[in-house]
Amino acid sequence: MKVLLFTDNLGAGGAQRQLVGLATLLKEEGHDVSVSLYNNSMFYANQLSNANIKFEIVRHAANHFLRIPVMLRYFKKQSPDWIIAYQETPSIIASFAKLFLPKIKILVSERTTTQALTHIDKLRFILYRFTDSIVPNSYSQKKFIVDHFPSLAKKTETIINFVDFEKFKFITRTKRIVPEILIVSSIYPPKNTKNLIYALKPLKDSGIKFRVRWFGITDNIITPYIAECNKLI
């Protein structure tokens, strides 16, 4: 089977990590796998090269006005059996492509929990009617999709993020007197930071000692959401 995984970039994000992991697993199963993107952010490029997976930057698609027609021509030329799209804009493009390339199966991957329906969100979910499968990585996102767009229920199935324990494993194990919770994530509403703080409060109230270490991109800017989180803490 020929599979094309499509995203905007290969930067240091969770969606990209999942894409590279899936591409590697599909390659190991004997499928013809390639990756396409249109922005030159290449944090995970070496992992694809090490797995002998082809990837291509479709440079003309970096132009907002040319992106859809350029990618449509690219998909037609590549002629995969499946396109698996990650991130919102690639998912919109892949869904739109189904109208012109009906023989290609389209799977769109939802990697966050939608907080409110913007105009772009509405467009995305409307276009999802033309896809073959919708895969959120959380049960909360599946519930959001089904609640707001019941017609998508039958094609929506949750597959939670996987972790490669051959790559992410303990080098040494140290038992700490005070347990430590490590989180690697940006801080903004879809990541549910406030709910984590609420969840930790009963531990603190019961006298259990613990420490939380959070690593994420903030660009040294205290957004209103970060300020709310700091106040809750």
Protein backbone atom coordinates (compact mmCIF):
# COMPACT_ATOMS: atom_id res chain seq x y z
CA MET A 1 0.00 0.00 0.00
CA LYS A 2 1.26 3.48 -0.88
CA VAL A 3 0.85 5.94 2.00
CA LEU A 4 1.58 9.67 1.93
CA LEU A 5 1.77 11.44 5.29
CA PHE A 6 1.13 15.15 4.89
CA THR A 7 1.83 17.98 7.34
CA ASP A 8 2.95 21.61 7.34
CA ASN A 9 6.39 21.09 8.90
CA LEU A 10 8.66 18.66 10.77
CA GLY A 11 9.25 20.94 13.75
CA ALA A 12 9.61 19.85 17.36
CA GLY A 13 5.94 19.21 18.06
CA GLY A 14 3.83 16.33 19.32
CA ALA A 15 1.93 15.91 16.05
CA GLN A 16 5.21 15.67 14.14
CA ARG A 17 6.56 13.09 16.58
CA GLN A 18 3.45 10.97 16.08
CA LEU A 19 3.65 11.35 12.30
CA VAL A 20 7.30 10.24 12.19
CA GLY A 21 6.55 7.31 14.51
CA LEU A 22 3.60 6.19 12.39
CA ALA A 23 5.60 6.55 9.18
CA THR A 24 8.36 4.38 10.65
CA LEU A 25 5.94 1.68 11.80
CA LEU A 26 4.17 1.61 8.42
CA LYS A 27 7.54 1.33 6.68
CA GLU A 28 8.49 -1.59 8.93
CA GLU A 29 5.23 -3.31 7.92
CA GLY A 30 6.33 -3.18 4.28
CA HIS A 31 4.26 -0.26 3.00
CA ASP A 32 5.51 2.33 0.50
CA VAL A 33 5.69 5.40 2.78
CA SER A 34 6.61 9.02 2.07
CA VAL A 35 6.14 12.36 3.83
CA SER A 36 5.35 15.73 2.29
CA LEU A 37 5.40 19.19 3.89
CA TYR A 38 5.58 22.81 2.77
CA ASN A 39 7.48 24.69 5.51
CA ASN A 40 11.21 24.34 6.11
CA SER A 41 11.23 23.32 9.78
CA MET A 42 13.11 20.02 9.94
CA PHE A 43 13.60 18.93 13.57
CA TYR A 44 12.49 15.33 12.81
CA ALA A 45 14.08 15.04 9.36
CA ASN A 46 17.00 12.93 10.60
CA GLN A 47 14.65 10.34 12.07
CA LEU A 48 12.94 9.94 8.71
CA SER A 49 16.31 9.66 6.95
CA ASN A 50 17.48 7.05 9.45
CA ALA A 51 14.35 5.02 8.76
CA ASN A 52 14.95 5.35 5.00
CA ILE A 53 11.67 7.21 4.53
CA LYS A 54 11.41 9.68 1.64
CA PHE A 55 10.29 13.20 2.50
CA GLU A 56 9.82 16.24 0.30
CA ILE A 57 9.27 19.95 0.89
CA VAL A 58 6.72 21.16 -1.66
CA ARG A 59 8.18 24.65 -1.70
CA HIS A 60 5.62 26.39 -3.91
CA ALA A 61 2.92 25.34 -1.43
CA ALA A 62 4.49 27.65 1.17
CA ASN A 63 2.61 30.43 -0.64
CA HIS A 64 -0.83 30.78 1.00
CA PHE A 65 -2.53 31.62 -2.31
CA LEU A 66 -0.96 28.75 -4.26
CA ARG A 67 -1.07 26.09 -1.54
CA ILE A 68 -4.27 24.26 -2.48
CA PRO A 69 -3.72 24.01 -6.28
CA VAL A 70 -0.04 23.11 -5.80
CA MET A 71 -0.86 20.34 -3.34
CA LEU A 72 -3.69 19.03 -5.53
CA ARG A 73 -1.26 18.63 -8.41
CA TYR A 74 1.26 17.03 -6.08
CA PHE A 75 -1.27 14.50 -4.73
CA LYS A 76 -2.40 13.63 -8.25
CA LYS A 77 1.21 13.06 -9.35
CA GLN A 78 2.07 10.94 -6.30
CA SER A 79 -1.22 8.98 -6.53
CA PRO A 80 -1.08 7.32 -3.08
CA ASP A 81 -3.66 4.85 -1.82
CA TRP A 82 -3.97 6.84 1.42
CA ILE A 83 -3.19 10.39 2.50
CA ILE A 84 -2.82 10.82 6.28
CA ALA A 85 -2.95 14.51 7.19
CA TYR A 86 -1.64 16.06 10.41
CA GLN A 87 -2.36 19.63 11.62
CA GLU A 88 -5.35 21.80 10.78
CA THR A 89 -4.38 23.39 7.45
CA PRO A 90 -3.04 20.15 5.90
CA SER A 91 -6.22 18.39 7.05
CA ILE A 92 -8.35 21.03 5.32
CA ILE A 93 -6.30 20.69 2.13
CA ALA A 94 -6.45 16.88 2.18
CA SER A 95 -10.23 16.93 2.78
CA PHE A 96 -10.69 19.38 -0.10
CA ALA A 97 -8.53 17.17 -2.33
CA LYS A 98 -11.02 14.31 -1.92
CA LEU A 99 -13.47 16.27 -4.08
CA PHE A 100 -11.05 16.17 -7.03
CA LEU A 101 -9.26 12.88 -6.30
CA PRO A 102 -12.04 10.59 -5.05
CA LYS A 103 -10.05 7.37 -5.45
CA ILE A 104 -7.52 8.41 -2.79
CA LYS A 105 -8.51 7.51 0.78
CA ILE A 106 -8.17 10.41 3.22
CA LEU A 107 -7.47 10.11 6.96
CA VAL A 108 -7.29 13.31 9.01
CA SER A 109 -5.64 13.34 12.41
CA GLU A 110 -6.97 15.60 15.18
CA ARG A 111 -4.15 16.33 17.64
CA THR A 112 -5.75 18.74 20.11
CA THR A 113 -9.03 19.41 21.91
CA THR A 114 -11.09 22.13 20.23
CA GLN A 115 -12.20 24.76 22.74
CA ALA A 116 -14.65 26.75 20.60
CA LEU A 117 -15.83 26.68 17.00
CA THR A 118 -14.13 29.38 14.95
CA HIS A 119 -14.99 29.93 11.29
CA ILE A 120 -11.91 27.93 10.29
CA ASP A 121 -12.93 25.08 12.62
CA LYS A 122 -16.41 24.99 11.09
CA LEU A 123 -14.93 24.87 7.59
CA ARG A 124 -12.58 22.06 8.63
CA PHE A 125 -15.29 19.89 10.12
CA ILE A 126 -17.65 20.52 7.20
CA LEU A 127 -14.93 19.36 4.80
CA TYR A 128 -14.38 16.28 6.97
CA ARG A 129 -17.64 14.95 5.50
CA PHE A 130 -15.60 14.01 2.43
CA THR A 131 -12.89 12.14 4.34
CA ASP A 132 -12.75 8.38 4.93
CA SER A 133 -11.59 8.48 8.55
CA ILE A 134 -11.12 10.97 11.40
CA VAL A 135 -8.70 10.03 14.17
CA PRO A 136 -8.54 12.27 17.27
CA ASN A 137 -5.89 11.53 19.89
CA SER A 138 -8.27 12.14 22.81
CA TYR A 139 -11.74 10.98 23.81
CA SER A 140 -12.62 14.59 24.62
CA GLN A 141 -11.98 15.65 21.01
CA LYS A 142 -14.06 12.76 19.69
CA LYS A 143 -16.90 13.85 21.98
CA PHE A 144 -16.56 17.44 20.74
CA ILE A 145 -16.72 16.32 17.10
CA VAL A 146 -19.67 13.99 17.62
CA ASP A 147 -21.59 16.52 19.74
CA HIS A 148 -21.23 19.31 17.18
CA PHE A 149 -21.20 17.25 13.97
CA PRO A 150 -23.19 14.03 14.61
CA SER A 151 -22.94 13.00 10.94
CA LEU A 152 -19.18 12.41 11.46
CA ALA A 153 -19.66 9.95 14.33
CA LYS A 154 -19.37 6.73 12.32
CA LYS A 155 -16.02 7.66 10.79
CA THR A 156 -14.46 9.10 13.99
CA GLU A 157 -12.31 6.83 16.16
CA THR A 158 -9.94 7.75 18.98
CA ILE A 159 -6.36 6.47 18.90
CA ILE A 160 -4.36 7.93 21.77
CA ASN A 161 -0.72 8.99 21.31
CA PHE A 162 1.83 6.20 21.45
CA VAL A 163 5.28 6.27 23.03
CA ASP A 164 8.26 4.33 21.67
CA PHE A 165 9.71 2.74 24.80
CA GLU A 166 12.78 1.65 22.87
CA LYS A 167 13.63 5.32 22.39
CA PHE A 168 12.13 6.88 25.52
CA LYS A 169 13.35 4.74 28.40
CA PHE A 170 15.02 5.12 31.76
CA ILE A 171 18.80 5.27 31.68
CA THR A 172 19.00 5.26 35.46
CA ARG A 173 16.26 4.94 38.04
CA THR A 174 16.44 7.17 41.08
CA LYS A 175 13.91 7.00 43.88
CA ARG A 176 13.17 10.53 45.03
CA ILE A 177 12.04 11.47 48.52
CA VAL A 178 9.63 13.92 46.91
CA PRO A 179 7.99 12.43 43.76
CA GLU A 180 8.43 14.50 40.62
CA ILE A 181 5.91 14.99 37.80
CA LEU A 182 7.53 16.00 34.51
CA ILE A 183 5.46 17.66 31.77
CA VAL A 184 6.70 18.73 28.34
CA SER A 185 4.13 20.94 26.63
CA SER A 186 3.35 24.47 25.57
CA ILE A 187 0.99 26.33 27.87
CA TYR A 188 -2.27 27.29 26.19
CA PRO A 189 -5.94 26.29 26.63
CA PRO A 190 -6.06 23.12 24.47
CA LYS A 191 -3.31 21.60 26.63
CA ASN A 192 -5.59 21.74 29.69
CA THR A 193 -3.03 23.30 32.05
CA LYS A 194 -5.69 24.73 34.37
CA ASN A 195 -7.41 21.36 34.75
CA LEU A 196 -4.08 19.77 35.68
CA ILE A 197 -3.69 22.37 38.43
CA TYR A 198 -7.21 21.62 39.69
CA ALA A 199 -6.40 17.89 39.65
CA LEU A 200 -3.25 18.39 41.71
CA LYS A 201 -4.96 20.43 44.42
CA PRO A 202 -6.51 17.40 46.22
CA LEU A 203 -3.02 15.88 46.44
CA LYS A 204 -1.71 19.03 48.07
CA ASP A 205 -4.74 19.28 50.38
CA SER A 206 -4.22 15.70 51.57
CA GLY A 207 -0.64 16.48 52.58
CA ILE A 208 1.07 14.51 49.81
CA LYS A 209 4.38 16.08 48.82
CA PHE A 210 5.26 16.34 45.14
CA ARG A 211 7.01 18.59 42.67
CA VAL A 212 5.93 19.54 39.14
CA ARG A 213 8.46 20.50 36.47
CA TRP A 214 6.97 21.93 33.28
CA PHE A 215 8.97 22.51 30.10
CA GLY A 216 7.32 24.32 27.20
CA ILE A 217 7.63 27.15 24.73
CA THR A 218 6.40 30.49 26.08
CA ASP A 219 8.70 32.93 24.19
CA ASN A 220 9.05 34.69 27.57
CA ILE A 221 5.60 36.18 27.08
CA ILE A 222 3.10 36.02 29.94
CA THR A 223 -0.19 35.52 28.13
CA PRO A 224 -3.53 35.99 29.91
CA TYR A 225 -3.86 32.20 30.07
CA ILE A 226 -0.42 31.77 31.66
CA ALA A 227 -1.31 34.53 34.14
CA GLU A 228 -4.50 32.62 35.06
CA CYS A 229 -2.45 29.44 35.59
CA ASN A 230 0.04 31.28 37.80
CA LYS A 231 -2.81 32.71 39.87
CA LEU A 232 -4.36 29.24 40.30
CA ILE A 233 -1.01 27.83 41.43
